[in-house]
């Protein structure tokens, strides 16, 4: 196994590790994985020429990178949606508006947003 083959194998394992972290919500691991991927890609780029027969393996890495990018995008979208929902709950009016069968509105007073502490 050449040095480039070793790098490709390490990248493959790293993409699988990244996928696992994304699926399990361990987002704190993503930065270190990203740093390691960058180092490995730099090492792969420096290991010219590309080994014979590496095309299919590199295509698999590309596919895994695209897959993980989609997972990361979905994770980020979920975090943005959760943040927006929390902000809307925090900023909501302190009451509740309802409508009866004839369309007349009625406002119900809301509870205080403060935390009640009991001894």
PDB file of N, CA and C in Angstrom:
ATOM      1  N   UNK A   1       0.853  -1.172   0.000  1.00  0.00           N
ATOM      2  CA  UNK A   1       0.000   0.000   0.000  1.00  0.00           C
ATOM      3  C   UNK A   1       0.901   1.237   0.000  1.00  0.00           C
ATOM      4  N   UNK A   2       0.626   2.142  -0.935  1.00  0.00           N
ATOM      5  CA  UNK A   2       1.420   3.363  -1.022  1.00  0.00           C
ATOM      6  C   UNK A   2       0.951   4.368   0.020  1.00  0.00           C
ATOM      7  N   UNK A   3       1.734   5.420   0.160  1.00  0.00           N
ATOM      8  CA  UNK A   3       1.370   6.488   1.098  1.00  0.00           C
ATOM      9  C   UNK A   3       0.026   7.107   0.705  1.00  0.00           C
ATOM     10  N   UNK A   4      -0.187   7.313  -0.606  1.00  0.00           N
ATOM     11  CA  UNK A   4      -1.454   7.875  -1.080  1.00  0.00           C
ATOM     12  C   UNK A   4      -2.614   6.935  -0.775  1.00  0.00           C
ATOM     13  N   UNK A   5      -2.397   5.634  -0.922  1.00  0.00           N
ATOM     14  CA  UNK A   5      -3.451   4.661  -0.594  1.00  0.00           C
ATOM     15  C   UNK A   5      -3.813   4.742   0.885  1.00  0.00           C
ATOM     16  N   UNK A   6      -2.803   4.914   1.717  1.00  0.00           N
ATOM     17  CA  UNK A   6      -3.031   5.042   3.152  1.00  0.00           C
ATOM     18  C   UNK A   6      -3.852   6.292   3.458  1.00  0.00           C
ATOM     19  N   UNK A   7      -3.538   7.389   2.781  1.00  0.00           N
ATOM     20  CA  UNK A   7      -4.280   8.638   2.989  1.00  0.00           C
ATOM     21  C   UNK A   7      -5.733   8.466   2.564  1.00  0.00           C
ATOM     22  N   UNK A   8      -5.948   7.830   1.417  1.00  0.00           N
ATOM     23  CA  UNK A   8      -7.313   7.600   0.927  1.00  0.00           C
ATOM     24  C   UNK A   8      -8.087   6.734   1.920  1.00  0.00           C
ATOM     25  N   UNK A   9      -7.452   5.709   2.454  1.00  0.00           N
ATOM     26  CA  UNK A   9      -8.115   4.844   3.441  1.00  0.00           C
ATOM     27  C   UNK A   9      -8.449   5.628   4.712  1.00  0.00           C
ATOM     28  N   UNK A  10      -7.539   6.490   5.138  1.00  0.00           N
ATOM     29  CA  UNK A  10      -7.802   7.306   6.333  1.00  0.00           C
ATOM     30  C   UNK A  10      -8.932   8.301   6.080  1.00  0.00           C
ATOM     31  N   UNK A  11      -8.960   8.896   4.886  1.00  0.00           N
ATOM     32  CA  UNK A  11     -10.055   9.807   4.538  1.00  0.00           C
ATOM     33  C   UNK A  11     -11.390   9.070   4.516  1.00  0.00           C
ATOM     34  N   UNK A  12     -11.394   7.872   3.961  1.00  0.00           N
ATOM     35  CA  UNK A  12     -12.617   7.074   3.915  1.00  0.00           C
ATOM     36  C   UNK A  12     -13.143   6.816   5.327  1.00  0.00           C
ATOM     37  N   UNK A  13     -12.262   6.413   6.217  1.00  0.00           N
ATOM     38  CA  UNK A  13     -12.666   6.164   7.608  1.00  0.00           C
ATOM     39  C   UNK A  13     -13.131   7.453   8.277  1.00  0.00           C
ATOM     40  N   UNK A  14     -12.483   8.557   7.951  1.00  0.00           N
ATOM     41  CA  UNK A  14     -12.854   9.840   8.543  1.00  0.00           C
ATOM     42  C   UNK A  14     -14.234  10.290   8.073  1.00  0.00           C
ATOM     43  N   UNK A  15     -14.542  10.071   6.788  1.00  0.00           N
ATOM     44  CA  UNK A  15     -15.874  10.412   6.286  1.00  0.00           C
ATOM     45  C   UNK A  15     -16.948   9.581   6.985  1.00  0.00           C
ATOM     46  N   UNK A  16     -16.659   8.319   7.245  1.00  0.00           N
ATOM     47  CA  UNK A  16     -17.619   7.474   7.964  1.00  0.00           C
ATOM     48  C   UNK A  16     -17.790   7.955   9.405  1.00  0.00           C
ATOM     49  N   UNK A  17     -16.702   8.350  10.026  1.00  0.00           N
ATOM     50  CA  UNK A  17     -16.760   8.871  11.392  1.00  0.00           C
ATOM     51  C   UNK A  17     -17.562  10.171  11.437  1.00  0.00           C
ATOM     52  N   UNK A  18     -17.351  11.021  10.441  1.00  0.00           N
ATOM     53  CA  UNK A  18     -18.089  12.281  10.354  1.00  0.00           C
ATOM     54  C   UNK A  18     -19.580  12.016  10.170  1.00  0.00           C
ATOM     55  N   UNK A  19     -19.917  11.061   9.310  1.00  0.00           N
ATOM     56  CA  UNK A  19     -21.323  10.702   9.080  1.00  0.00           C
ATOM     57  C   UNK A  19     -21.969  10.230  10.378  1.00  0.00           C
ATOM     58  N   UNK A  20     -21.265   9.371  11.091  1.00  0.00           N
ATOM     59  CA  UNK A  20     -21.775   8.856  12.359  1.00  0.00           C
ATOM     60  C   UNK A  20     -22.013   9.996  13.351  1.00  0.00           C
ATOM     61  N   UNK A  21     -21.071  10.924  13.437  1.00  0.00           N
ATOM     62  CA  UNK A  21     -21.213  12.062  14.353  1.00  0.00           C
ATOM     63  C   UNK A  21     -22.409  12.928  13.961  1.00  0.00           C
ATOM     64  N   UNK A  22     -22.599  13.157  12.672  1.00  0.00           N
ATOM     65  CA  UNK A  22     -23.729  13.970  12.215  1.00  0.00           C
ATOM     66  C   UNK A  22     -25.058  13.284  12.509  1.00  0.00           C
ATOM     67  N   UNK A  23     -25.130  11.989  12.261  1.00  0.00           N
ATOM     68  CA  UNK A  23     -26.383  11.268  12.492  1.00  0.00           C
ATOM     69  C   UNK A  23     -26.725  11.168  13.971  1.00  0.00           C
ATOM     70  N   UNK A  24     -25.720  11.151  14.825  1.00  0.00           N
ATOM     71  CA  UNK A  24     -25.956  11.036  16.262  1.00  0.00           C
ATOM     72  C   UNK A  24     -25.977  12.387  16.964  1.00  0.00           C
ATOM     73  N   UNK A  25     -25.864  13.472  16.184  1.00  0.00           N
ATOM     74  CA  UNK A  25     -25.964  14.806  16.766  1.00  0.00           C
ATOM     75  C   UNK A  25     -24.745  15.242  17.558  1.00  0.00           C
ATOM     76  N   UNK A  26     -23.615  14.622  17.335  1.00  0.00           N
ATOM     77  CA  UNK A  26     -22.387  14.993  18.049  1.00  0.00           C
ATOM     78  C   UNK A  26     -21.668  16.077  17.246  1.00  0.00           C
ATOM     79  N   UNK A  27     -22.292  17.241  17.189  1.00  0.00           N
ATOM     80  CA  UNK A  27     -21.777  18.322  16.358  1.00  0.00           C
ATOM     81  C   UNK A  27     -20.470  18.890  16.883  1.00  0.00           C
ATOM     82  N   UNK A  28     -20.170  18.665  18.148  1.00  0.00           N
ATOM     83  CA  UNK A  28     -18.916  19.171  18.711  1.00  0.00           C
ATOM     84  C   UNK A  28     -17.701  18.490  18.083  1.00  0.00           C
ATOM     85  N   UNK A  29     -17.886  17.345  17.465  1.00  0.00           N
ATOM     86  CA  UNK A  29     -16.779  16.616  16.845  1.00  0.00           C
ATOM     87  C   UNK A  29     -16.469  17.098  15.429  1.00  0.00           C
ATOM     88  N   UNK A  30     -17.364  17.857  14.848  1.00  0.00           N
ATOM     89  CA  UNK A  30     -17.249  18.203  13.432  1.00  0.00           C
ATOM     90  C   UNK A  30     -16.021  19.068  13.146  1.00  0.00           C
ATOM     91  N   UNK A  31     -15.698  20.011  14.019  1.00  0.00           N
ATOM     92  CA  UNK A  31     -14.551  20.883  13.760  1.00  0.00           C
ATOM     93  C   UNK A  31     -13.244  20.099  13.703  1.00  0.00           C
ATOM     94  N   UNK A  32     -13.044  19.182  14.646  1.00  0.00           N
ATOM     95  CA  UNK A  32     -11.797  18.409  14.627  1.00  0.00           C
ATOM     96  C   UNK A  32     -11.734  17.499  13.403  1.00  0.00           C
ATOM     97  N   UNK A  33     -12.871  16.942  13.001  1.00  0.00           N
ATOM     98  CA  UNK A  33     -12.914  16.110  11.795  1.00  0.00           C
ATOM     99  C   UNK A  33     -12.577  16.964  10.573  1.00  0.00           C
ATOM    100  N   UNK A  34     -13.114  18.173  10.532  1.00  0.00           N
ATOM    101  CA  UNK A  34     -12.851  19.071   9.416  1.00  0.00           C
ATOM    102  C   UNK A  34     -11.370  19.425   9.321  1.00  0.00           C
ATOM    103  N   UNK A  35     -10.761  19.707  10.462  1.00  0.00           N
ATOM    104  CA  UNK A  35      -9.329  20.025  10.476  1.00  0.00           C
ATOM    105  C   UNK A  35      -8.500  18.842   9.978  1.00  0.00           C
ATOM    106  N   UNK A  36      -8.861  17.646  10.423  1.00  0.00           N
ATOM    107  CA  UNK A  36      -8.120  16.453  10.009  1.00  0.00           C
ATOM    108  C   UNK A  36      -8.307  16.172   8.520  1.00  0.00           C
ATOM    109  N   UNK A  37      -9.532  16.384   8.015  1.00  0.00           N
ATOM    110  CA  UNK A  37      -9.770  16.192   6.579  1.00  0.00           C
ATOM    111  C   UNK A  37      -8.908  17.146   5.761  1.00  0.00           C
ATOM    112  N   UNK A  38      -8.830  18.383   6.211  1.00  0.00           N
ATOM    113  CA  UNK A  38      -8.023  19.370   5.490  1.00  0.00           C
ATOM    114  C   UNK A  38      -6.561  18.933   5.423  1.00  0.00           C
ATOM    115  N   UNK A  39      -6.031  18.447   6.532  1.00  0.00           N
ATOM    116  CA  UNK A  39      -4.640  17.979   6.556  1.00  0.00           C
ATOM    117  C   UNK A  39      -4.441  16.788   5.617  1.00  0.00           C
ATOM    118  N   UNK A  40      -5.394  15.861   5.641  1.00  0.00           N
ATOM    119  CA  UNK A  40      -5.271  14.686   4.778  1.00  0.00           C
ATOM    120  C   UNK A  40      -5.394  15.045   3.299  1.00  0.00           C
ATOM    121  N   UNK A  41      -6.281  15.975   2.963  1.00  0.00           N
ATOM    122  CA  UNK A  41      -6.398  16.396   1.569  1.00  0.00           C
ATOM    123  C   UNK A  41      -5.125  17.093   1.102  1.00  0.00           C
ATOM    124  N   UNK A  42      -4.533  17.908   1.977  1.00  0.00           N
ATOM    125  CA  UNK A  42      -3.255  18.544   1.636  1.00  0.00           C
ATOM    126  C   UNK A  42      -2.178  17.487   1.405  1.00  0.00           C
ATOM    127  N   UNK A  43      -2.143  16.475   2.257  1.00  0.00           N
ATOM    128  CA  UNK A  43      -1.153  15.400   2.108  1.00  0.00           C
ATOM    129  C   UNK A  43      -1.397  14.611   0.827  1.00  0.00           C
ATOM    130  N   UNK A  44      -2.671  14.378   0.499  1.00  0.00           N
ATOM    131  CA  UNK A  44      -2.993  13.648  -0.732  1.00  0.00           C
ATOM    132  C   UNK A  44      -2.586  14.462  -1.956  1.00  0.00           C
ATOM    133  N   UNK A  45      -2.834  15.758  -1.921  1.00  0.00           N
ATOM    134  CA  UNK A  45      -2.457  16.624  -3.047  1.00  0.00           C
ATOM    135  C   UNK A  45      -0.945  16.653  -3.234  1.00  0.00           C
ATOM    136  N   UNK A  46      -0.203  16.541  -2.149  1.00  0.00           N
ATOM    137  CA  UNK A  46       1.260  16.575  -2.221  1.00  0.00           C
ATOM    138  C   UNK A  46       1.851  15.243  -2.667  1.00  0.00           C
ATOM    139  N   UNK A  47       1.060  14.192  -2.693  1.00  0.00           N
ATOM    140  CA  UNK A  47       1.582  12.858  -3.032  1.00  0.00           C
ATOM    141  C   UNK A  47       1.390  12.546  -4.508  1.00  0.00           C
ATOM    142  N   UNK A  48       1.965  13.381  -5.366  1.00  0.00           N
ATOM    143  CA  UNK A  48       1.871  13.160  -6.811  1.00  0.00           C
ATOM    144  C   UNK A  48       2.828  12.061  -7.214  1.00  0.00           C
ATOM    145  N   UNK A  49       2.577  11.321  -8.213  1.00  0.00           N
ATOM    146  CA  UNK A  49       1.347  11.290  -8.984  1.00  0.00           C
ATOM    147  C   UNK A  49       0.277  10.480  -8.264  1.00  0.00           C
ATOM    148  N   UNK A  50      -0.954  10.686  -8.694  1.00  0.00           N
ATOM    149  CA  UNK A  50      -2.052   9.909  -8.131  1.00  0.00           C
ATOM    150  C   UNK A  50      -1.837   8.443  -8.504  1.00  0.00           C
ATOM    151  N   UNK A  51      -1.987   7.541  -7.536  1.00  0.00           N
ATOM    152  CA  UNK A  51      -1.756   6.122  -7.824  1.00  0.00           C
ATOM    153  C   UNK A  51      -2.691   5.599  -8.912  1.00  0.00           C
ATOM    154  N   UNK A  52      -2.178   4.672  -9.696  1.00  0.00           N
ATOM    155  CA  UNK A  52      -2.992   4.053 -10.740  1.00  0.00           C
ATOM    156  C   UNK A  52      -4.183   3.352 -10.092  1.00  0.00           C
ATOM    157  N   UNK A  53      -5.321   3.482 -10.706  1.00  0.00           N
ATOM    158  CA  UNK A  53      -6.518   2.825 -10.182  1.00  0.00           C
ATOM    159  C   UNK A  53      -7.168   3.561  -9.031  1.00  0.00           C
ATOM    160  N   UNK A  54      -6.707   4.765  -8.719  1.00  0.00           N
ATOM    161  CA  UNK A  54      -7.269   5.505  -7.588  1.00  0.00           C
ATOM    162  C   UNK A  54      -8.553   6.237  -7.958  1.00  0.00           C
ATOM    163  N   UNK A  55      -8.834   6.337  -9.256  1.00  0.00           N
ATOM    164  CA  UNK A  55     -10.017   7.069  -9.707  1.00  0.00           C
ATOM    165  C   UNK A  55     -11.310   6.638  -9.032  1.00  0.00           C
ATOM    166  N   UNK A  56     -11.625   5.339  -9.033  1.00  0.00           N
ATOM    167  CA  UNK A  56     -12.868   4.902  -8.385  1.00  0.00           C
ATOM    168  C   UNK A  56     -12.881   5.173  -6.876  1.00  0.00           C
ATOM    169  N   UNK A  57     -11.747   5.011  -6.229  1.00  0.00           N
ATOM    170  CA  UNK A  57     -11.688   5.267  -4.776  1.00  0.00           C
ATOM    171  C   UNK A  57     -11.871   6.749  -4.486  1.00  0.00           C
ATOM    172  N   UNK A  58     -11.285   7.601  -5.336  1.00  0.00           N
ATOM    173  CA  UNK A  58     -11.454   9.043  -5.151  1.00  0.00           C
ATOM    174  C   UNK A  58     -12.900   9.457  -5.433  1.00  0.00           C
ATOM    175  N   UNK A  59     -13.540   8.798  -6.401  1.00  0.00           N
ATOM    176  CA  UNK A  59     -14.953   9.070  -6.685  1.00  0.00           C
ATOM    177  C   UNK A  59     -15.821   8.687  -5.490  1.00  0.00           C
ATOM    178  N   UNK A  60     -15.483   7.579  -4.822  1.00  0.00           N
ATOM    179  CA  UNK A  60     -16.222   7.184  -3.615  1.00  0.00           C
ATOM    180  C   UNK A  60     -16.049   8.226  -2.516  1.00  0.00           C
ATOM    181  N   UNK A  61     -14.828   8.743  -2.377  1.00  0.00           N
ATOM    182  CA  UNK A  61     -14.596   9.798  -1.378  1.00  0.00           C
ATOM    183  C   UNK A  61     -15.425  11.036  -1.700  1.00  0.00           C
ATOM    184  N   UNK A  62     -15.467  11.396  -2.983  1.00  0.00           N
ATOM    185  CA  UNK A  62     -16.266  12.552  -3.390  1.00  0.00           C
ATOM    186  C   UNK A  62     -17.734  12.335  -3.031  1.00  0.00           C
ATOM    187  N   UNK A  63     -18.247  11.141  -3.325  1.00  0.00           N
ATOM    188  CA  UNK A  63     -19.647  10.833  -3.016  1.00  0.00           C
ATOM    189  C   UNK A  63     -19.911  10.909  -1.516  1.00  0.00           C
ATOM    190  N   UNK A  64     -18.978  10.421  -0.715  1.00  0.00           N
ATOM    191  CA  UNK A  64     -19.140  10.485   0.741  1.00  0.00           C
ATOM    192  C   UNK A  64     -19.069  11.925   1.235  1.00  0.00           C
ATOM    193  N   UNK A  65     -18.217  12.720   0.611  1.00  0.00           N
ATOM    194  CA  UNK A  65     -18.122  14.132   0.989  1.00  0.00           C
ATOM    195  C   UNK A  65     -19.433  14.854   0.685  1.00  0.00           C
ATOM    196  N   UNK A  66     -20.016  14.566  -0.466  1.00  0.00           N
ATOM    197  CA  UNK A  66     -21.298  15.174  -0.840  1.00  0.00           C
ATOM    198  C   UNK A  66     -22.394  14.725   0.120  1.00  0.00           C
ATOM    199  N   UNK A  67     -22.412  13.435   0.445  1.00  0.00           N
ATOM    200  CA  UNK A  67     -23.400  12.902   1.393  1.00  0.00           C
ATOM    201  C   UNK A  67     -23.288  13.611   2.739  1.00  0.00           C
ATOM    202  N   UNK A  68     -22.066  13.743   3.244  1.00  0.00           N
ATOM    203  CA  UNK A  68     -21.862  14.377   4.546  1.00  0.00           C
ATOM    204  C   UNK A  68     -22.195  15.862   4.501  1.00  0.00           C
ATOM    205  N   UNK A  69     -21.930  16.500   3.364  1.00  0.00           N
ATOM    206  CA  UNK A  69     -22.284  17.913   3.226  1.00  0.00           C
ATOM    207  C   UNK A  69     -23.797  18.086   3.331  1.00  0.00           C
ATOM    208  N   UNK A  70     -24.541  17.184   2.718  1.00  0.00           N
ATOM    209  CA  UNK A  70     -26.010  17.244   2.806  1.00  0.00           C
ATOM    210  C   UNK A  70     -26.479  17.019   4.242  1.00  0.00           C
ATOM    211  N   UNK A  71     -25.851  16.080   4.934  1.00  0.00           N
ATOM    212  CA  UNK A  71     -26.203  15.841   6.337  1.00  0.00           C
ATOM    213  C   UNK A  71     -25.900  17.066   7.194  1.00  0.00           C
ATOM    214  N   UNK A  72     -24.760  17.685   6.952  1.00  0.00           N
ATOM    215  CA  UNK A  72     -24.394  18.878   7.710  1.00  0.00           C
ATOM    216  C   UNK A  72     -25.359  20.016   7.416  1.00  0.00           C
ATOM    217  N   UNK A  73     -25.732  20.190   6.147  1.00  0.00           N
ATOM    218  CA  UNK A  73     -26.708  21.220   5.790  1.00  0.00           C
ATOM    219  C   UNK A  73     -28.042  20.972   6.487  1.00  0.00           C
ATOM    220  N   UNK A  74     -28.478  19.719   6.523  1.00  0.00           N
ATOM    221  CA  UNK A  74     -29.736  19.384   7.194  1.00  0.00           C
ATOM    222  C   UNK A  74     -29.637  19.640   8.694  1.00  0.00           C
ATOM    223  N   UNK A  75     -28.495  19.331   9.287  1.00  0.00           N
ATOM    224  CA  UNK A  75     -28.297  19.596  10.717  1.00  0.00           C
ATOM    225  C   UNK A  75     -28.365  21.084  11.001  1.00  0.00           C
ATOM    226  N   UNK A  76     -27.709  21.868  10.159  1.00  0.00           N
ATOM    227  CA  UNK A  76     -27.711  23.317  10.347  1.00  0.00           C
ATOM    228  C   UNK A  76     -29.119  23.889  10.170  1.00  0.00           C
ATOM    229  N   UNK A  77     -29.855  23.370   9.199  1.00  0.00           N
ATOM    230  CA  UNK A  77     -31.229  23.829   8.989  1.00  0.00           C
ATOM    231  C   UNK A  77     -32.095  23.498  10.202  1.00  0.00           C
ATOM    232  N   UNK A  78     -31.904  22.316  10.764  1.00  0.00           N
ATOM    233  CA  UNK A  78     -32.639  21.943  11.974  1.00  0.00           C
ATOM    234  C   UNK A  78     -32.302  22.843  13.147  1.00  0.00           C
ATOM    235  N   UNK A  79     -31.032  23.188  13.290  1.00  0.00           N
ATOM    236  CA  UNK A  79     -30.628  24.099  14.370  1.00  0.00           C
ATOM    237  C   UNK A  79     -31.226  25.487  14.165  1.00  0.00           C
ATOM    238  N   UNK A  80     -31.234  25.967  12.916  1.00  0.00           N
ATOM    239  CA  UNK A  80     -31.842  27.277  12.638  1.00  0.00           C
ATOM    240  C   UNK A  80     -33.338  27.258  12.951  1.00  0.00           C
ATOM    241  N   UNK A  81     -34.016  26.174  12.584  1.00  0.00           N
ATOM    242  CA  UNK A  81     -35.452  26.066  12.858  1.00  0.00           C
ATOM    243  C   UNK A  81     -35.713  26.027  14.360  1.00  0.00           C
ATOM    244  N   UNK A  82     -34.890  25.303  15.096  1.00  0.00           N
ATOM    245  CA  UNK A  82     -35.059  25.237  16.550  1.00  0.00           C
ATOM    246  C   UNK A  82     -34.821  26.599  17.179  1.00  0.00           C
ATOM    247  N   UNK A  83     -33.791  27.311  16.708  1.00  0.00           N
ATOM    248  CA  UNK A  83     -33.509  28.647  17.238  1.00  0.00           C
ATOM    249  C   UNK A  83     -34.665  29.600  16.945  1.00  0.00           C
ATOM    250  N   UNK A  84     -35.203  29.531  15.727  1.00  0.00           N
ATOM    251  CA  UNK A  84     -36.329  30.390  15.363  1.00  0.00           C
ATOM    252  C   UNK A  84     -37.545  30.079  16.227  1.00  0.00           C
ATOM    253  N   UNK A  85     -37.782  28.811  16.477  1.00  0.00           N
ATOM    254  CA  UNK A  85     -38.927  28.425  17.313  1.00  0.00           C
ATOM    255  C   UNK A  85     -38.752  28.921  18.737  1.00  0.00           C
ATOM    256  N   UNK A  86     -37.554  28.769  19.290  1.00  0.00           N
ATOM    257  CA  UNK A  86     -37.299  29.261  20.647  1.00  0.00           C
ATOM    258  C   UNK A  86     -37.447  30.770  20.716  1.00  0.00           C
ATOM    259  N   UNK A  87     -36.961  31.476  19.695  1.00  0.00           N
ATOM    260  CA  UNK A  87     -37.115  32.934  19.671  1.00  0.00           C
ATOM    261  C   UNK A  87     -38.577  33.336  19.582  1.00  0.00           C
ATOM    262  N   UNK A  88     -39.357  32.614  18.788  1.00  0.00           N
ATOM    263  CA  UNK A  88     -40.776  32.958  18.672  1.00  0.00           C
ATOM    264  C   UNK A  88     -41.507  32.711  19.989  1.00  0.00           C
ATOM    265  N   UNK A  89     -41.117  31.678  20.715  1.00  0.00           N
ATOM    266  CA  UNK A  89     -41.737  31.423  22.016  1.00  0.00           C
ATOM    267  C   UNK A  89     -41.340  32.491  23.024  1.00  0.00           C
ATOM    268  N   UNK A  90     -40.100  32.942  22.936  1.00  0.00           N
ATOM    269  CA  UNK A  90     -39.608  33.957  23.854  1.00  0.00           C
ATOM    270  C   UNK A  90     -40.255  35.312  23.583  1.00  0.00           C
ATOM    271  N   UNK A  91     -40.541  35.601  22.320  1.00  0.00           N
ATOM    272  CA  UNK A  91     -41.048  36.910  21.931  1.00  0.00           C
ATOM    273  C   UNK A  91     -42.565  36.947  21.775  1.00  0.00           C
ATOM    274  N   UNK A  92     -43.229  35.865  22.053  1.00  0.00           N
ATOM    275  CA  UNK A  92     -44.682  35.827  21.836  1.00  0.00           C
ATOM    276  C   UNK A  92     -45.401  36.749  22.807  1.00  0.00           C
ATOM    277  N   UNK A  93     -46.568  37.206  22.425  1.00  0.00           N
ATOM    278  CA  UNK A  93     -47.355  38.020  23.352  1.00  0.00           C
ATOM    279  C   UNK A  93     -47.745  37.194  24.577  1.00  0.00           C
ATOM    280  N   UNK A  94     -47.987  37.864  25.638  1.00  0.00           N
ATOM    281  CA  UNK A  94     -48.299  37.191  26.896  1.00  0.00           C
ATOM    282  C   UNK A  94     -49.780  36.841  26.997  1.00  0.00           C
ATOM    283  N   UNK A  95     -50.357  36.411  25.944  1.00  0.00           N
ATOM    284  CA  UNK A  95     -51.759  36.021  25.956  1.00  0.00           C
ATOM    285  C   UNK A  95     -52.047  35.099  24.792  1.00  0.00           C
ATOM    286  N   UNK A  96     -53.310  34.785  24.656  1.00  0.00           N
ATOM    287  CA  UNK A  96     -53.707  33.859  23.614  1.00  0.00           C
ATOM    288  C   UNK A  96     -55.003  34.368  23.020  1.00  0.00           C
ATOM    289  N   UNK A  97     -55.078  34.456  21.708  1.00  0.00           N
ATOM    290  CA  UNK A  97     -56.268  34.972  21.039  1.00  0.00           C
ATOM    291  C   UNK A  97     -57.031  33.798  20.429  1.00  0.00           C
ATOM    292  N   UNK A  98     -58.315  33.745  20.716  1.00  0.00           N
ATOM    293  CA  UNK A  98     -59.170  32.705  20.150  1.00  0.00           C
ATOM    294  C   UNK A  98     -60.323  33.359  19.406  1.00  0.00           C
ATOM    295  N   UNK A  99     -61.012  32.558  18.620  1.00  0.00           N
ATOM    296  CA  UNK A  99     -62.167  33.039  17.865  1.00  0.00           C
ATOM    297  C   UNK A  99     -63.316  32.062  18.076  1.00  0.00           C
ATOM    298  N   UNK A 100     -64.528  32.620  18.219  1.00  0.00           N
ATOM    299  CA  UNK A 100     -65.680  31.736  18.381  1.00  0.00           C
ATOM    300  C   UNK A 100     -66.245  31.385  17.004  1.00  0.00           C
ATOM    301  N   UNK A 101     -67.358  30.649  16.989  1.00  0.00           N
ATOM    302  CA  UNK A 101     -67.928  30.158  15.735  1.00  0.00           C
ATOM    303  C   UNK A 101     -68.365  31.291  14.812  1.00  0.00           C
ATOM    304  N   UNK A 102     -68.715  32.447  15.371  1.00  0.00           N
ATOM    305  CA  UNK A 102     -69.147  33.565  14.526  1.00  0.00           C
ATOM    306  C   UNK A 102     -67.993  34.498  14.167  1.00  0.00           C
ATOM    307  N   UNK A 103     -66.779  34.157  14.568  1.00  0.00           N
ATOM    308  CA  UNK A 103     -65.615  34.935  14.179  1.00  0.00           C
ATOM    309  C   UNK A 103     -65.208  36.028  15.143  1.00  0.00           C
ATOM    310  N   UNK A 104     -65.903  36.123  16.286  1.00  0.00           N
ATOM    311  CA  UNK A 104     -65.523  37.145  17.272  1.00  0.00           C
ATOM    312  C   UNK A 104     -64.288  36.678  18.013  1.00  0.00           C
ATOM    313  N   UNK A 105     -63.370  37.613  18.198  1.00  0.00           N
ATOM    314  CA  UNK A 105     -62.137  37.244  18.890  1.00  0.00           C
ATOM    315  C   UNK A 105     -62.261  37.468  20.385  1.00  0.00           C
ATOM    316  N   UNK A 106     -61.518  36.677  21.089  1.00  0.00           N
ATOM    317  CA  UNK A 106     -61.478  36.778  22.538  1.00  0.00           C
ATOM    318  C   UNK A 106     -60.031  36.563  22.961  1.00  0.00           C
ATOM    319  N   UNK A 107     -59.522  37.470  23.789  1.00  0.00           N
ATOM    320  CA  UNK A 107     -58.148  37.350  24.270  1.00  0.00           C
ATOM    321  C   UNK A 107     -58.136  36.719  25.649  1.00  0.00           C
ATOM    322  N   UNK A 108     -57.312  35.696  25.783  1.00  0.00           N
ATOM    323  CA  UNK A 108     -57.122  35.054  27.076  1.00  0.00           C
ATOM    324  C   UNK A 108     -55.787  35.525  27.629  1.00  0.00           C
ATOM    325  N   UNK A 109     -55.768  35.933  28.883  1.00  0.00           N
ATOM    326  CA  UNK A 109     -54.488  36.389  29.436  1.00  0.00           C
ATOM    327  C   UNK A 109     -53.508  35.226  29.519  1.00  0.00           C
ATOM    328  N   UNK A 110     -52.235  35.545  29.306  1.00  0.00           N
ATOM    329  CA  UNK A 110     -51.199  34.525  29.368  1.00  0.00           C
ATOM    330  C   UNK A 110     -50.544  34.484  30.723  1.00  0.00           C
ATOM    331  N   UNK A 111     -49.724  33.484  30.884  1.00  0.00           N
ATOM    332  CA  UNK A 111     -48.958  33.367  32.117  1.00  0.00           C
ATOM    333  C   UNK A 111     -47.684  34.170  31.983  1.00  0.00           C
ATOM    334  N   UNK A 112     -47.120  34.472  33.085  1.00  0.00           N
ATOM    335  CA  UNK A 112     -45.846  35.174  33.103  1.00  0.00           C
ATOM    336  C   UNK A 112     -44.768  34.256  32.542  1.00  0.00           C
ATOM    337  N   UNK A 113     -43.833  34.851  31.818  1.00  0.00           N
ATOM    338  CA  UNK A 113     -42.744  34.070  31.236  1.00  0.00           C
ATOM    339  C   UNK A 113     -41.634  33.800  32.241  1.00  0.00           C
ATOM    340  N   UNK A 114     -41.776  34.342  33.435  1.00  0.00           N
ATOM    341  CA  UNK A 114     -40.716  34.155  34.427  1.00  0.00           C
ATOM    342  C   UNK A 114     -40.798  32.760  35.037  1.00  0.00           C
ATOM    343  N   UNK A 115     -39.703  32.336  35.581  1.00  0.00           N
ATOM    344  CA  UNK A 115     -39.619  31.025  36.203  1.00  0.00           C
ATOM    345  C   UNK A 115     -40.125  31.132  37.633  1.00  0.00           C
ATOM    346  N   UNK A 116     -40.979  30.201  38.009  1.00  0.00           N
ATOM    347  CA  UNK A 116     -41.499  30.176  39.375  1.00  0.00           C
ATOM    348  C   UNK A 116     -40.611  29.255  40.189  1.00  0.00           C
ATOM    349  N   UNK A 117     -40.080  29.783  41.269  1.00  0.00           N
ATOM    350  CA  UNK A 117     -39.213  28.977  42.136  1.00  0.00           C
ATOM    351  C   UNK A 117     -39.966  28.668  43.418  1.00  0.00           C
ATOM    352  N   UNK A 118     -39.932  27.426  43.785  1.00  0.00           N
ATOM    353  CA  UNK A 118     -40.621  27.008  45.002  1.00  0.00           C
ATOM    354  C   UNK A 118     -39.616  26.395  45.952  1.00  0.00           C
ATOM    355  N   UNK A 119     -39.856  26.634  47.221  1.00  0.00           N
ATOM    356  CA  UNK A 119     -38.938  26.103  48.237  1.00  0.00           C
ATOM    357  C   UNK A 119     -39.267  24.674  48.559  1.00  0.00           C
TER     358      UNK A 119
END
